[in-house]
Amino acid sequence: MEKAAKNYKALSVGDIKALGRVTLNSALGLTGAEVSINELPAGVGVPFVHAHKRNEEVYVILEGKGRFFVDGDIFSVEPGSAIRVDPAGERSLKADGESPLRYLCIQTEANSLAQFTENDGIMTESKPAW
């Protein structure tokens, strides 16, 4: 399912389990964020700890359970967990031994958000067919 139009682009990301990681920034032509969908097999962790120069990250746990590491702190995560990590935060994560860990990672430049939906959204006259 790939569809492109002037104001949007939609696509199928494929089999996340088989791919392990899919980045959406190039595929969707994102201009303000890097977004990836990731899956770690049961018992597997990201093999490195990393930080960023300018970008904060938000991790949203979709499926599975695991452990998250930030600046020496380790805590449990599960579906519905959301974690924001400052650029300088040293981070990594690991799936528990029972199930894969699927999560979204959204990366944007820290302090770059000019306004939220309440101040940026505008109502239009368009109506969907449903």
C-alpha atoms as a PDB file:
ATOM      1  CA  MET A   1       0.000   0.000   0.000  1.00  0.00           C
ATOM      2  CA  GLU A   2       1.969   2.978  -1.160  1.00  0.00           C
ATOM      3  CA  LYS A   3       0.053   6.109  -1.964  1.00  0.00           C
ATOM      4  CA  ALA A   4       1.445   9.554  -2.512  1.00  0.00           C
ATOM      5  CA  ALA A   5      -0.400  12.820  -2.967  1.00  0.00           C
ATOM      6  CA  LYS A   6       0.515  16.460  -2.669  1.00  0.00           C
ATOM      7  CA  ASN A   7      -0.166  16.730   1.073  1.00  0.00           C
ATOM      8  CA  TYR A   8       0.526  13.204   2.315  1.00  0.00           C
ATOM      9  CA  LYS A   9       2.249   9.909   1.711  1.00  0.00           C
ATOM     10  CA  ALA A  10       1.071   6.540   3.056  1.00  0.00           C
ATOM     11  CA  LEU A  11       2.841   3.209   2.846  1.00  0.00           C
ATOM     12  CA  SER A  12       2.988  -0.252   4.339  1.00  0.00           C
ATOM     13  CA  VAL A  13       6.051  -0.637   6.525  1.00  0.00           C
ATOM     14  CA  GLY A  14       6.186  -4.394   5.991  1.00  0.00           C
ATOM     15  CA  ASP A  15       6.868  -7.159   8.478  1.00  0.00           C
ATOM     16  CA  ILE A  16       8.469  -5.441  11.480  1.00  0.00           C
ATOM     17  CA  LYS A  17       9.289  -8.785  13.079  1.00  0.00           C
ATOM     18  CA  ALA A  18      11.314  -9.879  10.048  1.00  0.00           C
ATOM     19  CA  LEU A  19      12.876  -6.468   9.458  1.00  0.00           C
ATOM     20  CA  GLY A  20      13.663  -5.620  13.093  1.00  0.00           C
ATOM     21  CA  ARG A  21      13.715  -1.880  12.402  1.00  0.00           C
ATOM     22  CA  VAL A  22      11.972   0.351   9.900  1.00  0.00           C
ATOM     23  CA  THR A  23      12.775   4.053   9.645  1.00  0.00           C
ATOM     24  CA  LEU A  24      10.026   6.259   8.268  1.00  0.00           C
ATOM     25  CA  ASN A  25      11.790   9.603   7.759  1.00  0.00           C
ATOM     26  CA  SER A  26      12.977   8.978   4.169  1.00  0.00           C
ATOM     27  CA  ALA A  27      10.064   6.725   3.211  1.00  0.00           C
ATOM     28  CA  LEU A  28       7.486   9.332   4.229  1.00  0.00           C
ATOM     29  CA  GLY A  29       9.526  12.437   3.470  1.00  0.00           C
ATOM     30  CA  LEU A  30       9.432  13.619   7.084  1.00  0.00           C
ATOM     31  CA  THR A  31      10.902  17.077   7.625  1.00  0.00           C
ATOM     32  CA  GLY A  32      10.602  17.567  11.382  1.00  0.00           C
ATOM     33  CA  ALA A  33      11.154  14.182  13.016  1.00  0.00           C
ATOM     34  CA  GLU A  34      12.836  10.843  12.663  1.00  0.00           C
ATOM     35  CA  VAL A  35      10.468   7.976  13.416  1.00  0.00           C
ATOM     36  CA  SER A  36      11.325   4.293  13.596  1.00  0.00           C
ATOM     37  CA  ILE A  37       9.379   1.154  14.433  1.00  0.00           C
ATOM     38  CA  ASN A  38      11.586  -1.394  16.137  1.00  0.00           C
ATOM     39  CA  GLU A  39      11.387  -4.953  17.435  1.00  0.00           C
ATOM     40  CA  LEU A  40      13.911  -6.672  19.650  1.00  0.00           C
ATOM     41  CA  PRO A  41      13.620 -10.473  19.891  1.00  0.00           C
ATOM     42  CA  ALA A  42      13.011 -11.968  23.351  1.00  0.00           C
ATOM     43  CA  GLY A  43      16.098 -11.627  25.539  1.00  0.00           C
ATOM     44  CA  VAL A  44      17.922  -9.323  23.106  1.00  0.00           C
ATOM     45  CA  GLY A  45      19.085  -5.826  23.945  1.00  0.00           C
ATOM     46  CA  VAL A  46      20.349  -2.920  21.881  1.00  0.00           C
ATOM     47  CA  PRO A  47      24.096  -3.726  21.762  1.00  0.00           C
ATOM     48  CA  PHE A  48      25.231  -0.183  22.603  1.00  0.00           C
ATOM     49  CA  VAL A  49      24.475   2.794  24.828  1.00  0.00           C
ATOM     50  CA  HIS A  50      24.080   6.103  23.018  1.00  0.00           C
ATOM     51  CA  ALA A  51      23.276   9.783  23.489  1.00  0.00           C
ATOM     52  CA  HIS A  52      22.596  12.577  21.004  1.00  0.00           C
ATOM     53  CA  LYS A  53      24.044  15.983  20.261  1.00  0.00           C
ATOM     54  CA  ARG A  54      20.726  17.819  19.699  1.00  0.00           C
ATOM     55  CA  ASN A  55      17.841  15.365  19.472  1.00  0.00           C
ATOM     56  CA  GLU A  56      15.555  14.179  22.234  1.00  0.00           C
ATOM     57  CA  GLU A  57      13.861  10.809  21.806  1.00  0.00           C
ATOM     58  CA  VAL A  58      10.454   9.501  22.802  1.00  0.00           C
ATOM     59  CA  TYR A  59      10.041   5.741  23.055  1.00  0.00           C
ATOM     60  CA  VAL A  60       6.525   4.267  23.094  1.00  0.00           C
ATOM     61  CA  ILE A  61       6.300   0.592  23.983  1.00  0.00           C
ATOM     62  CA  LEU A  62       3.721  -1.157  21.793  1.00  0.00           C
ATOM     63  CA  GLU A  63       4.158  -4.858  22.646  1.00  0.00           C
ATOM     64  CA  GLY A  64       6.174  -6.968  25.047  1.00  0.00           C
ATOM     65  CA  LYS A  65       8.049  -6.150  28.216  1.00  0.00           C
ATOM     66  CA  GLY A  66      11.607  -5.165  28.869  1.00  0.00           C
ATOM     67  CA  ARG A  67      14.093  -3.001  30.694  1.00  0.00           C
ATOM     68  CA  PHE A  68      15.146   0.547  29.838  1.00  0.00           C
ATOM     69  CA  PHE A  69      18.501   2.089  30.776  1.00  0.00           C
ATOM     70  CA  VAL A  70      19.000   5.870  31.093  1.00  0.00           C
ATOM     71  CA  ASP A  71      22.060   7.396  32.794  1.00  0.00           C
ATOM     72  CA  GLY A  72      22.597   4.320  34.943  1.00  0.00           C
ATOM     73  CA  ASP A  73      18.942   3.964  35.981  1.00  0.00           C
ATOM     74  CA  ILE A  74      17.239   0.756  34.874  1.00  0.00           C
ATOM     75  CA  PHE A  75      13.453   0.403  34.957  1.00  0.00           C
ATOM     76  CA  SER A  76      10.765  -1.892  33.567  1.00  0.00           C
ATOM     77  CA  VAL A  77       8.704  -1.029  30.491  1.00  0.00           C
ATOM     78  CA  GLU A  78       5.537  -2.594  29.089  1.00  0.00           C
ATOM     79  CA  PRO A  79       2.844  -1.773  26.522  1.00  0.00           C
ATOM     80  CA  GLY A  80       1.741   1.805  27.050  1.00  0.00           C
ATOM     81  CA  SER A  81       5.031   2.972  28.585  1.00  0.00           C
ATOM     82  CA  ALA A  82       6.299   6.254  27.139  1.00  0.00           C
ATOM     83  CA  ILE A  83       9.799   7.506  27.874  1.00  0.00           C
ATOM     84  CA  ARG A  84      11.316  10.869  26.885  1.00  0.00           C
ATOM     85  CA  VAL A  85      15.106  11.020  26.942  1.00  0.00           C
ATOM     86  CA  ASP A  86      17.026  14.302  26.821  1.00  0.00           C
ATOM     87  CA  PRO A  87      19.727  14.501  24.123  1.00  0.00           C
ATOM     88  CA  ALA A  88      22.527  14.001  26.654  1.00  0.00           C
ATOM     89  CA  GLY A  89      20.805  11.023  28.314  1.00  0.00           C
ATOM     90  CA  GLU A  90      22.753   7.800  27.833  1.00  0.00           C
ATOM     91  CA  ARG A  91      20.202   5.174  26.804  1.00  0.00           C
ATOM     92  CA  SER A  92      19.618   1.574  25.789  1.00  0.00           C
ATOM     93  CA  LEU A  93      16.893  -1.049  26.160  1.00  0.00           C
ATOM     94  CA  LYS A  94      16.383  -4.805  26.259  1.00  0.00           C
ATOM     95  CA  ALA A  95      13.466  -7.190  25.698  1.00  0.00           C
ATOM     96  CA  ASP A  96      12.677  -9.570  28.538  1.00  0.00           C
ATOM     97  CA  GLY A  97      13.331 -13.269  28.026  1.00  0.00           C
ATOM     98  CA  GLU A  98       9.680 -14.134  27.373  1.00  0.00           C
ATOM     99  CA  SER A  99       8.610 -12.000  24.415  1.00  0.00           C
ATOM    100  CA  PRO A 100       9.824  -9.609  21.725  1.00  0.00           C
ATOM    101  CA  LEU A 101       9.751  -5.884  22.510  1.00  0.00           C
ATOM    102  CA  ARG A 102       8.132  -3.699  19.835  1.00  0.00           C
ATOM    103  CA  TYR A 103       8.381   0.069  20.172  1.00  0.00           C
ATOM    104  CA  LEU A 104       8.229   3.372  18.351  1.00  0.00           C
ATOM    105  CA  CYS A 105      11.134   5.779  18.616  1.00  0.00           C
ATOM    106  CA  ILE A 106      10.435   9.406  17.707  1.00  0.00           C
ATOM    107  CA  GLN A 107      13.416  11.716  17.500  1.00  0.00           C
ATOM    108  CA  THR A 108      13.227  15.513  17.196  1.00  0.00           C
ATOM    109  CA  GLU A 109      15.487  18.428  17.927  1.00  0.00           C
ATOM    110  CA  ALA A 110      15.123  19.389  21.584  1.00  0.00           C
ATOM    111  CA  ASN A 111      13.349  22.706  22.215  1.00  0.00           C
ATOM    112  CA  SER A 112      12.250  23.019  18.565  1.00  0.00           C
ATOM    113  CA  LEU A 113       8.476  22.645  19.026  1.00  0.00           C
ATOM    114  CA  ALA A 114       6.966  26.066  18.341  1.00  0.00           C
ATOM    115  CA  GLN A 115       3.373  25.172  19.199  1.00  0.00           C
ATOM    116  CA  PHE A 116       1.049  22.301  20.062  1.00  0.00           C
ATOM    117  CA  THR A 117      -2.086  21.122  18.236  1.00  0.00           C
ATOM    118  CA  GLU A 118      -4.343  23.493  20.191  1.00  0.00           C
ATOM    119  CA  ASN A 119      -2.450  26.479  18.769  1.00  0.00           C
ATOM    120  CA  ASP A 120      -1.489  25.035  15.378  1.00  0.00           C
ATOM    121  CA  GLY A 121      -4.596  23.125  14.231  1.00  0.00           C
ATOM    122  CA  ILE A 122      -7.212  24.884  12.123  1.00  0.00           C
ATOM    123  CA  MET A 123     -10.717  23.662  11.269  1.00  0.00           C
ATOM    124  CA  THR A 124     -11.507  23.277   7.567  1.00  0.00           C
ATOM    125  CA  GLU A 125     -14.722  22.817   5.609  1.00  0.00           C
ATOM    126  CA  SER A 126     -13.711  19.431   4.149  1.00  0.00           C
ATOM    127  CA  LYS A 127     -15.770  16.352   5.081  1.00  0.00           C
ATOM    128  CA  PRO A 128     -14.640  12.705   4.768  1.00  0.00           C
ATOM    129  CA  ALA A 129     -16.841  10.276   2.820  1.00  0.00           C
ATOM    130  CA  TRP A 130     -17.579   8.216   5.921  1.00  0.00           C
END
